[in-house]
Amino acid sequence: MNAPDLPPADPLAPLLSRVSVGTKYLREPAPSPDDLLRMATAALRAPDHAGLVPYRFAVVRGAAKQRLADLFEAAARAHGKSAEQALRDRERATAPPLLVAVIARIDAGHPLATVHEQWIALGGALANFLTAAHALGYGGKMLSGSKVRDHAVMSAFCRPGETLVGWVVLGTPQGVGRPKFDKPTPDELLGEWPGPADTQDL
């Protein structure tokens, strides 16, 4: 007996279904080394004027999570947070199954790629990285906060001329997530040029 014809899978399904998943909804397993390489490969497919790759990723796992926890706790105390708040900040490093630091390396004097184009390249790479994680069955979210501006934390990750953007937390999602914020509909987002506001002075 012939197998029934099945409708083709939507090639955009990973893009259309991805949502941010916070740490409290993430469990083991985290992405494997091979999965991380595939996610990094997807990141490198993002638009990137002049091919600068103005970013890099640093994986934080195993014993390195304890070192990051020490940095988070010290940063919290240095900024006058209470012992309880410092402990919560420490757990931001230990609770996720895996963290990936996102580091920008922007060349402000590049003759072809402007600064804003380089930041766009980083954002596109990050979006591809997270969407690839989702397509592989993982969940994740980008986090930043005041810790990215703490000198000790920045120094631990950044080489000269680099900027610490934040961390992606990754793991296996528990349950089905949903978008956190109301956003415009695709029809509202996608307009024509010139539109009414563009033709007033023509």
Protein backbone atom coordinates (compact mmCIF):
# COMPACT_ATOMS: atom_id res chain seq x y z
CA MET A 1 0.00 0.00 0.00
CA ASN A 2 1.35 3.42 -0.92
CA ALA A 3 2.03 5.89 1.88
CA PRO A 4 -0.37 8.84 1.91
CA ASP A 5 0.86 12.10 0.46
CA LEU A 6 1.80 14.48 3.22
CA PRO A 7 1.68 18.26 2.89
CA PRO A 8 5.15 19.75 2.52
CA ALA A 9 6.67 21.20 5.67
CA ASP A 10 6.72 24.98 5.87
CA PRO A 11 10.36 25.97 5.21
CA LEU A 12 9.85 29.07 7.34
CA ALA A 13 8.53 27.15 10.37
CA PRO A 14 11.63 27.74 12.55
CA LEU A 15 11.54 31.47 11.79
CA LEU A 16 7.81 31.83 12.34
CA SER A 17 7.67 29.85 15.59
CA ARG A 18 10.77 31.00 17.50
CA VAL A 19 10.23 32.88 20.77
CA SER A 20 12.63 33.86 23.53
CA VAL A 21 12.85 31.29 26.34
CA GLY A 22 14.19 32.45 29.72
CA THR A 23 16.41 30.49 32.08
CA LYS A 24 13.65 29.22 34.37
CA TYR A 25 12.09 27.39 31.42
CA LEU A 26 15.34 25.78 30.23
CA ARG A 27 16.64 22.34 31.21
CA GLU A 28 19.36 19.96 30.10
CA PRO A 29 20.42 18.98 27.54
CA ALA A 30 22.09 22.07 26.19
CA PRO A 31 23.33 22.25 22.60
CA SER A 32 26.13 19.80 21.92
CA PRO A 33 29.48 20.96 20.52
CA ASP A 34 28.37 19.86 17.05
CA ASP A 35 25.07 21.74 17.42
CA LEU A 36 26.93 24.87 18.52
CA LEU A 37 29.11 24.64 15.41
CA ARG A 38 25.99 24.43 13.23
CA MET A 39 24.51 27.41 15.04
CA ALA A 40 27.74 29.35 14.49
CA THR A 41 27.63 28.38 10.81
CA ALA A 42 24.12 29.83 10.60
CA ALA A 43 25.34 33.01 12.29
CA LEU A 44 27.98 33.43 9.60
CA ARG A 45 25.28 33.42 6.89
CA ALA A 46 23.86 36.74 8.10
CA PRO A 47 24.36 39.84 5.91
CA ASP A 48 27.79 41.30 6.60
CA HIS A 49 29.05 44.23 4.51
CA ALA A 50 32.75 43.73 3.66
CA GLY A 51 32.72 40.34 5.40
CA LEU A 52 34.17 41.74 8.61
CA VAL A 53 32.46 39.32 11.01
CA PRO A 54 32.38 42.11 13.65
CA TYR A 55 31.50 39.73 16.48
CA ARG A 56 32.53 36.51 18.16
CA PHE A 57 30.95 34.07 20.60
CA ALA A 58 32.48 32.61 23.79
CA VAL A 59 30.89 29.43 25.18
CA VAL A 60 30.56 29.28 28.98
CA ARG A 61 30.01 25.80 30.40
CA GLY A 62 31.24 23.43 33.11
CA ALA A 63 33.65 24.96 35.59
CA ALA A 64 33.64 28.23 33.63
CA LYS A 65 30.09 28.86 34.85
CA GLN A 66 31.40 29.02 38.43
CA ARG A 67 34.03 31.54 37.40
CA LEU A 68 31.36 33.63 35.71
CA ALA A 69 29.19 33.31 38.83
CA ASP A 70 32.07 34.71 40.90
CA LEU A 71 32.33 37.67 38.51
CA PHE A 72 28.58 38.31 38.63
CA GLU A 73 28.52 38.19 42.42
CA ALA A 74 31.52 40.51 42.73
CA ALA A 75 29.97 42.94 40.28
CA ALA A 76 26.72 42.96 42.26
CA ARG A 77 28.54 43.71 45.52
CA ALA A 78 30.69 46.37 43.87
CA HIS A 79 27.52 48.14 42.75
CA GLY A 80 26.02 48.10 46.23
CA LYS A 81 23.56 45.26 45.84
CA SER A 82 22.48 43.27 48.90
CA ALA A 83 23.79 39.78 49.66
CA GLU A 84 20.47 38.34 48.48
CA GLN A 85 20.64 40.27 45.21
CA ALA A 86 24.26 39.21 44.73
CA LEU A 87 23.24 35.58 45.17
CA ARG A 88 20.52 35.98 42.54
CA ASP A 89 23.07 37.47 40.16
CA ARG A 90 25.36 34.54 40.86
CA GLU A 91 22.58 32.14 39.92
CA ARG A 92 22.20 33.91 36.59
CA ALA A 93 25.48 32.25 35.64
CA THR A 94 24.93 28.82 37.20
CA ALA A 95 21.24 28.17 36.44
CA PRO A 96 21.27 28.12 32.61
CA PRO A 97 22.38 24.82 31.08
CA LEU A 98 24.73 26.77 28.80
CA LEU A 99 25.70 30.39 28.22
CA VAL A 100 27.30 31.98 25.17
CA ALA A 101 28.84 35.43 25.52
CA VAL A 102 28.25 37.74 22.55
CA ILE A 103 31.19 40.05 21.91
CA ALA A 104 31.29 42.88 19.36
CA ARG A 105 34.44 43.94 17.58
CA ILE A 106 33.43 47.07 15.72
CA ASP A 107 35.92 48.83 13.43
CA ALA A 108 34.82 52.47 13.59
CA GLY A 109 37.33 53.51 10.93
CA HIS A 110 36.58 50.88 8.30
CA PRO A 111 36.50 52.47 4.82
CA LEU A 112 33.54 50.41 3.55
CA ALA A 113 31.35 49.12 6.37
CA THR A 114 29.89 51.83 8.58
CA VAL A 115 29.48 51.32 12.32
CA HIS A 116 25.73 50.86 12.01
CA GLU A 117 26.22 48.25 9.28
CA GLN A 118 28.57 46.33 11.55
CA TRP A 119 26.05 46.39 14.40
CA ILE A 120 23.39 45.19 11.95
CA ALA A 121 25.68 42.31 10.98
CA LEU A 122 26.02 41.36 14.65
CA GLY A 123 22.26 41.50 15.15
CA GLY A 124 21.66 39.36 12.07
CA ALA A 125 24.22 36.81 13.25
CA LEU A 126 22.61 36.66 16.68
CA ALA A 127 19.15 36.17 15.15
CA ASN A 128 20.46 33.34 12.97
CA PHE A 129 22.23 31.76 15.94
CA LEU A 130 19.06 31.75 18.05
CA THR A 131 16.83 30.59 15.19
CA ALA A 132 19.23 27.73 14.45
CA ALA A 133 19.06 26.73 18.12
CA HIS A 134 15.27 26.69 17.90
CA ALA A 135 15.34 24.65 14.69
CA LEU A 136 17.53 22.08 16.47
CA GLY A 137 15.02 21.76 19.31
CA TYR A 138 16.59 24.12 21.85
CA GLY A 139 15.39 27.34 23.42
CA GLY A 140 17.24 30.47 24.35
CA LYS A 141 17.23 34.14 25.06
CA MET A 142 19.59 37.10 24.87
CA LEU A 143 20.37 38.79 28.21
CA SER A 144 22.48 41.83 29.07
CA GLY A 145 21.91 44.28 31.95
CA SER A 146 24.40 46.34 33.92
CA LYS A 147 26.87 43.45 34.25
CA VAL A 148 28.03 43.93 30.67
CA ARG A 149 29.40 47.35 31.70
CA ASP A 150 31.22 46.10 34.80
CA HIS A 151 34.96 46.51 34.25
CA ALA A 152 35.96 43.13 35.72
CA VAL A 153 33.33 41.27 33.73
CA MET A 154 34.19 43.08 30.51
CA SER A 155 37.91 42.50 31.03
CA ALA A 156 37.33 38.78 31.49
CA PHE A 157 35.75 38.49 28.03
CA CYS A 158 36.96 41.35 25.87
CA ARG A 159 40.18 41.90 24.02
CA PRO A 160 41.31 45.45 23.17
CA GLY A 161 38.71 47.23 21.04
CA GLU A 162 35.90 44.79 21.84
CA THR A 163 32.54 45.35 23.55
CA LEU A 164 30.65 42.85 25.65
CA VAL A 165 27.06 42.76 24.37
CA GLY A 166 25.60 40.11 26.70
CA TRP A 167 24.90 36.40 26.97
CA VAL A 168 22.66 33.91 25.24
CA VAL A 169 21.22 31.33 27.64
CA LEU A 170 20.50 27.98 26.01
CA GLY A 171 18.91 24.67 26.89
CA THR A 172 15.93 22.46 26.15
CA PRO A 173 12.66 24.39 26.58
CA GLN A 174 9.97 23.15 28.94
CA GLY A 175 6.55 23.74 27.42
CA VAL A 176 5.59 25.98 24.53
CA GLY A 177 6.59 29.61 24.75
CA ARG A 178 4.72 32.60 23.46
CA PRO A 179 5.78 36.12 22.48
CA LYS A 180 6.16 38.40 25.49
CA PHE A 181 5.26 41.66 23.81
CA ASP A 182 2.49 42.76 21.49
CA LYS A 183 3.89 43.52 18.06
CA PRO A 184 2.41 44.93 14.87
CA THR A 185 0.80 42.58 12.40
CA PRO A 186 2.75 41.77 9.22
CA ASP A 187 0.34 44.03 7.31
CA GLU A 188 1.11 46.90 9.67
CA LEU A 189 4.83 46.27 9.43
CA LEU A 190 5.02 46.00 5.65
CA GLY A 191 4.24 49.28 3.91
CA GLU A 192 4.63 50.74 0.43
CA TRP A 193 6.90 53.59 -0.60
CA PRO A 194 5.95 56.27 -1.23
CA GLY A 195 3.21 56.19 1.34
CA PRO A 196 0.77 58.99 2.31
CA ALA A 197 3.29 60.64 4.62
CA ASP A 198 6.00 60.47 1.94
CA THR A 199 3.89 62.14 -0.79
CA GLN A 200 2.65 65.18 1.14
CA ASP A 201 5.48 67.37 -0.08
CA LEU A 202 5.66 66.02 -3.67
